[in-house]
């Protein structure tokens, strides 16, 4: 279980960073500027509005990483269910083992 937890955490962190980089690459820079102007209109400093925008991008990157992880986990589970379905049952009764 420790290996599974470690692999899961590493995959999730990697996908979060990857998705953040992808989101930043495709976002129109004028959106960030518009957000800064709107945040300044309600009293936020420009630095605070940038942190707000960064937090929104981070949140979406984590959500995309979570979606990717659960999609992979679903495929793995369905594959293991299919494997359990096709495994043959033993023909004879199992032998009792005493300690």
N, C-alpha and C. Protein backbone atom coordinates (compact mmCIF):
# COMPACT_ATOMS: atom_id res chain seq x y z
N UNK A 1 0.81 -1.18 0.00
CA UNK A 1 0.00 0.00 0.00
C UNK A 1 0.86 1.26 0.00
N UNK A 2 2.01 1.17 0.63
CA UNK A 2 2.88 2.34 0.67
C UNK A 2 3.38 2.70 -0.73
N UNK A 3 3.69 1.68 -1.52
CA UNK A 3 4.14 1.94 -2.89
C UNK A 3 3.00 2.55 -3.70
N UNK A 4 1.80 2.01 -3.54
CA UNK A 4 0.65 2.56 -4.26
C UNK A 4 0.37 4.00 -3.87
N UNK A 5 0.46 4.31 -2.58
CA UNK A 5 0.24 5.68 -2.13
C UNK A 5 1.32 6.61 -2.68
N UNK A 6 2.55 6.14 -2.72
CA UNK A 6 3.65 6.96 -3.24
C UNK A 6 3.49 7.21 -4.73
N UNK A 7 3.15 6.16 -5.48
CA UNK A 7 2.96 6.32 -6.93
C UNK A 7 1.78 7.23 -7.21
N UNK A 8 0.71 7.09 -6.44
CA UNK A 8 -0.47 7.93 -6.63
C UNK A 8 -0.12 9.39 -6.39
N UNK A 9 0.56 9.68 -5.29
CA UNK A 9 0.92 11.06 -4.97
C UNK A 9 1.85 11.65 -6.03
N UNK A 10 2.82 10.87 -6.46
CA UNK A 10 3.75 11.35 -7.48
C UNK A 10 3.03 11.62 -8.79
N UNK A 11 2.15 10.72 -9.19
CA UNK A 11 1.39 10.91 -10.44
C UNK A 11 0.51 12.14 -10.35
N UNK A 12 -0.17 12.29 -9.23
CA UNK A 12 -1.08 13.42 -9.05
C UNK A 12 -0.33 14.75 -9.08
N UNK A 13 0.81 14.80 -8.40
CA UNK A 13 1.61 16.02 -8.39
C UNK A 13 2.15 16.34 -9.78
N UNK A 14 2.63 15.30 -10.48
CA UNK A 14 3.14 15.51 -11.84
C UNK A 14 2.04 16.02 -12.77
N UNK A 15 0.88 15.40 -12.70
CA UNK A 15 -0.22 15.82 -13.58
C UNK A 15 -0.72 17.22 -13.24
N UNK A 16 -0.66 17.60 -11.96
CA UNK A 16 -1.05 18.96 -11.58
C UNK A 16 -0.11 19.97 -12.22
N UNK A 17 1.19 19.70 -12.14
CA UNK A 17 2.16 20.62 -12.75
C UNK A 17 2.00 20.65 -14.27
N UNK A 18 1.79 19.49 -14.87
CA UNK A 18 1.62 19.41 -16.32
C UNK A 18 0.37 20.19 -16.75
N UNK A 19 -0.74 19.97 -16.05
CA UNK A 19 -1.98 20.65 -16.41
C UNK A 19 -1.88 22.16 -16.19
N UNK A 20 -1.17 22.58 -15.14
CA UNK A 20 -0.98 24.02 -14.92
C UNK A 20 -0.20 24.63 -16.08
N UNK A 21 0.85 23.95 -16.51
CA UNK A 21 1.63 24.46 -17.63
C UNK A 21 0.78 24.53 -18.91
N UNK A 22 -0.05 23.51 -19.12
CA UNK A 22 -0.93 23.53 -20.30
C UNK A 22 -1.96 24.66 -20.22
N UNK A 23 -2.54 24.86 -19.04
CA UNK A 23 -3.53 25.93 -18.89
C UNK A 23 -2.91 27.31 -19.09
N UNK A 24 -1.73 27.51 -18.53
CA UNK A 24 -1.07 28.81 -18.68
C UNK A 24 -0.71 29.06 -20.14
N UNK A 25 -0.37 28.01 -20.86
CA UNK A 25 0.02 28.16 -22.27
C UNK A 25 -1.17 28.54 -23.16
N UNK A 26 -2.37 28.10 -22.81
CA UNK A 26 -3.51 28.34 -23.69
C UNK A 26 -4.39 29.51 -23.26
N UNK A 27 -4.15 30.05 -22.07
CA UNK A 27 -4.99 31.15 -21.58
C UNK A 27 -4.60 32.44 -22.29
N UNK A 28 -5.61 33.18 -22.70
CA UNK A 28 -5.41 34.47 -23.35
C UNK A 28 -4.91 35.48 -22.32
N UNK A 29 -3.79 36.16 -22.58
CA UNK A 29 -3.25 37.11 -21.60
C UNK A 29 -4.21 38.27 -21.27
N UNK A 30 -5.12 38.57 -22.18
CA UNK A 30 -6.05 39.67 -21.89
C UNK A 30 -7.02 39.29 -20.78
N UNK A 31 -7.26 38.00 -20.58
CA UNK A 31 -8.14 37.57 -19.50
C UNK A 31 -7.51 37.91 -18.15
N UNK A 32 -6.22 37.65 -18.01
CA UNK A 32 -5.54 37.99 -16.76
C UNK A 32 -5.58 39.49 -16.52
N UNK A 33 -5.41 40.27 -17.57
CA UNK A 33 -5.45 41.74 -17.44
C UNK A 33 -6.85 42.20 -17.05
N UNK A 34 -7.87 41.60 -17.67
CA UNK A 34 -9.24 41.96 -17.32
C UNK A 34 -9.56 41.60 -15.88
N UNK A 35 -9.08 40.45 -15.43
CA UNK A 35 -9.29 40.05 -14.05
C UNK A 35 -8.61 41.03 -13.10
N UNK A 36 -7.41 41.47 -13.44
CA UNK A 36 -6.70 42.45 -12.62
C UNK A 36 -7.48 43.75 -12.52
N UNK A 37 -8.03 44.21 -13.65
CA UNK A 37 -8.81 45.45 -13.64
C UNK A 37 -10.09 45.30 -12.82
N UNK A 38 -10.78 44.19 -12.97
CA UNK A 38 -12.01 43.96 -12.20
C UNK A 38 -11.72 43.84 -10.71
N UNK A 39 -10.63 43.16 -10.36
CA UNK A 39 -10.26 43.03 -8.95
C UNK A 39 -9.86 44.37 -8.37
N UNK A 40 -9.17 45.20 -9.16
CA UNK A 40 -8.80 46.53 -8.68
C UNK A 40 -10.04 47.40 -8.48
N UNK A 41 -11.06 47.19 -9.30
CA UNK A 41 -12.29 47.97 -9.17
C UNK A 41 -13.03 47.68 -7.86
N UNK A 42 -12.85 46.48 -7.32
CA UNK A 42 -13.52 46.15 -6.06
C UNK A 42 -12.59 46.28 -4.86
N UNK A 43 -11.37 46.76 -5.09
CA UNK A 43 -10.48 47.06 -3.97
C UNK A 43 -9.28 46.17 -3.79
N UNK A 44 -9.05 45.22 -4.66
CA UNK A 44 -7.86 44.37 -4.55
C UNK A 44 -6.66 45.08 -5.15
N UNK A 45 -5.50 44.83 -4.58
CA UNK A 45 -4.27 45.35 -5.17
C UNK A 45 -3.93 44.51 -6.40
N UNK A 46 -3.11 45.06 -7.32
CA UNK A 46 -2.72 44.26 -8.49
C UNK A 46 -2.01 42.96 -8.11
N UNK A 47 -1.19 43.01 -7.06
CA UNK A 47 -0.49 41.80 -6.64
C UNK A 47 -1.49 40.76 -6.11
N UNK A 48 -2.45 41.21 -5.34
CA UNK A 48 -3.47 40.30 -4.80
C UNK A 48 -4.31 39.70 -5.92
N UNK A 49 -4.61 40.47 -6.94
CA UNK A 49 -5.41 39.95 -8.05
C UNK A 49 -4.63 38.90 -8.85
N UNK A 50 -3.31 39.08 -8.94
CA UNK A 50 -2.49 38.05 -9.60
C UNK A 50 -2.49 36.75 -8.80
N UNK A 51 -2.43 36.87 -7.47
CA UNK A 51 -2.52 35.68 -6.62
C UNK A 51 -3.88 35.01 -6.78
N UNK A 52 -4.92 35.81 -6.90
CA UNK A 52 -6.26 35.27 -7.11
C UNK A 52 -6.32 34.49 -8.42
N UNK A 53 -5.79 35.08 -9.48
CA UNK A 53 -5.78 34.42 -10.79
C UNK A 53 -4.95 33.14 -10.74
N UNK A 54 -3.79 33.21 -10.09
CA UNK A 54 -2.94 32.03 -9.97
C UNK A 54 -3.64 30.92 -9.19
N UNK A 55 -4.37 31.30 -8.16
CA UNK A 55 -5.12 30.32 -7.38
C UNK A 55 -6.21 29.65 -8.20
N UNK A 56 -6.86 30.43 -9.07
CA UNK A 56 -7.88 29.85 -9.94
C UNK A 56 -7.27 28.83 -10.91
N UNK A 57 -6.13 29.18 -11.48
CA UNK A 57 -5.46 28.27 -12.41
C UNK A 57 -4.99 27.01 -11.67
N UNK A 58 -4.44 27.19 -10.47
CA UNK A 58 -4.00 26.04 -9.67
C UNK A 58 -5.17 25.12 -9.34
N UNK A 59 -6.29 25.70 -8.97
CA UNK A 59 -7.46 24.89 -8.65
C UNK A 59 -7.94 24.06 -9.83
N UNK A 60 -7.93 24.67 -11.00
CA UNK A 60 -8.35 23.94 -12.20
C UNK A 60 -7.33 22.86 -12.57
N UNK A 61 -6.04 23.14 -12.36
CA UNK A 61 -5.01 22.13 -12.65
C UNK A 61 -5.17 20.92 -11.73
N UNK A 62 -5.47 21.16 -10.46
CA UNK A 62 -5.69 20.05 -9.53
C UNK A 62 -6.92 19.26 -9.94
N UNK A 63 -7.97 19.95 -10.36
CA UNK A 63 -9.20 19.26 -10.77
C UNK A 63 -8.94 18.39 -12.00
N UNK A 64 -8.19 18.90 -12.96
CA UNK A 64 -7.87 18.10 -14.15
C UNK A 64 -7.01 16.89 -13.78
N UNK A 65 -6.06 17.07 -12.85
CA UNK A 65 -5.22 15.96 -12.41
C UNK A 65 -6.08 14.91 -11.69
N UNK A 66 -7.04 15.36 -10.91
CA UNK A 66 -7.94 14.44 -10.22
C UNK A 66 -8.77 13.65 -11.23
N UNK A 67 -9.27 14.33 -12.24
CA UNK A 67 -10.04 13.65 -13.30
C UNK A 67 -9.18 12.60 -14.00
N UNK A 68 -7.94 12.95 -14.32
CA UNK A 68 -7.04 12.00 -14.97
C UNK A 68 -6.78 10.78 -14.08
N UNK A 69 -6.55 11.04 -12.80
CA UNK A 69 -6.26 9.94 -11.87
C UNK A 69 -7.45 8.99 -11.78
N UNK A 70 -8.64 9.54 -11.60
CA UNK A 70 -9.80 8.67 -11.44
C UNK A 70 -10.18 7.98 -12.75
N UNK A 71 -9.89 8.57 -13.87
CA UNK A 71 -10.12 7.88 -15.14
C UNK A 71 -9.19 6.67 -15.24
N UNK A 72 -7.94 6.84 -14.87
CA UNK A 72 -7.00 5.73 -14.88
C UNK A 72 -7.37 4.66 -13.86
N UNK A 73 -7.81 5.08 -12.68
CA UNK A 73 -8.21 4.12 -11.65
C UNK A 73 -9.43 3.32 -12.10
N UNK A 74 -10.35 3.99 -12.80
CA UNK A 74 -11.54 3.30 -13.31
C UNK A 74 -11.15 2.25 -14.34
N UNK A 75 -10.25 2.60 -15.25
CA UNK A 75 -9.80 1.63 -16.26
C UNK A 75 -9.09 0.45 -15.60
N UNK A 76 -8.27 0.73 -14.60
CA UNK A 76 -7.58 -0.35 -13.90
C UNK A 76 -8.58 -1.26 -13.19
N UNK A 77 -9.57 -0.68 -12.54
CA UNK A 77 -10.57 -1.48 -11.84
C UNK A 77 -11.38 -2.32 -12.82
N UNK A 78 -11.79 -1.74 -13.94
CA UNK A 78 -12.55 -2.51 -14.93
C UNK A 78 -11.71 -3.64 -15.52
N UNK A 79 -10.43 -3.38 -15.72
CA UNK A 79 -9.54 -4.43 -16.21
C UNK A 79 -9.39 -5.57 -15.22
N UNK A 80 -9.28 -5.24 -13.94
CA UNK A 80 -9.16 -6.28 -12.93
C UNK A 80 -10.47 -7.05 -12.75
N UNK A 81 -11.60 -6.37 -12.90
CA UNK A 81 -12.88 -7.07 -12.85
C UNK A 81 -12.99 -8.05 -14.01
N UNK A 82 -12.57 -7.61 -15.19
CA UNK A 82 -12.60 -8.50 -16.36
C UNK A 82 -11.67 -9.69 -16.16
N UNK A 83 -10.53 -9.44 -15.56
CA UNK A 83 -9.59 -10.53 -15.29
C UNK A 83 -10.18 -11.53 -14.30
N UNK A 84 -10.82 -11.02 -13.26
CA UNK A 84 -11.46 -11.92 -12.28
C UNK A 84 -12.59 -12.71 -12.92
N UNK A 85 -13.24 -12.13 -13.89
CA UNK A 85 -14.36 -12.78 -14.55
C UNK A 85 -13.90 -13.98 -15.39
N UNK A 86 -12.72 -13.87 -16.01
CA UNK A 86 -12.27 -14.93 -16.91
C UNK A 86 -11.39 -15.98 -16.23
N UNK A 87 -11.00 -15.77 -14.98
CA UNK A 87 -10.19 -16.77 -14.28
C UNK A 87 -11.06 -17.99 -14.00
N UNK A 88 -10.50 -19.18 -14.27
CA UNK A 88 -11.26 -20.42 -14.08
C UNK A 88 -11.40 -20.76 -12.61
N UNK A 89 -12.53 -21.33 -12.27
CA UNK A 89 -12.76 -21.79 -10.91
C UNK A 89 -12.04 -23.12 -10.72
N UNK A 90 -11.62 -23.42 -9.48
CA UNK A 90 -11.01 -24.74 -9.25
C UNK A 90 -12.05 -25.84 -9.40
N UNK A 91 -11.66 -26.97 -10.00
CA UNK A 91 -12.58 -28.09 -10.25
C UNK A 91 -12.85 -28.89 -8.97
N UNK A 92 -11.82 -29.14 -8.20
CA UNK A 92 -11.96 -29.94 -6.98
C UNK A 92 -12.05 -29.01 -5.78
N UNK A 93 -12.59 -29.50 -4.68
CA UNK A 93 -12.62 -28.67 -3.47
C UNK A 93 -11.19 -28.35 -3.01
N UNK A 94 -11.04 -27.21 -2.40
CA UNK A 94 -9.72 -26.81 -1.91
C UNK A 94 -9.35 -27.64 -0.70
N UNK A 95 -8.06 -27.95 -0.55
CA UNK A 95 -7.59 -28.72 0.58
C UNK A 95 -7.48 -27.81 1.81
N UNK A 96 -7.85 -28.35 2.95
CA UNK A 96 -7.72 -27.60 4.20
C UNK A 96 -6.26 -27.61 4.64
N UNK A 97 -5.77 -26.49 5.04
CA UNK A 97 -4.39 -26.37 5.48
C UNK A 97 -4.40 -26.04 6.97
N UNK A 98 -3.70 -26.86 7.75
CA UNK A 98 -3.61 -26.62 9.21
C UNK A 98 -2.27 -25.99 9.52
N UNK A 99 -2.25 -25.19 10.53
CA UNK A 99 -0.99 -24.54 10.92
C UNK A 99 -0.26 -25.37 11.91
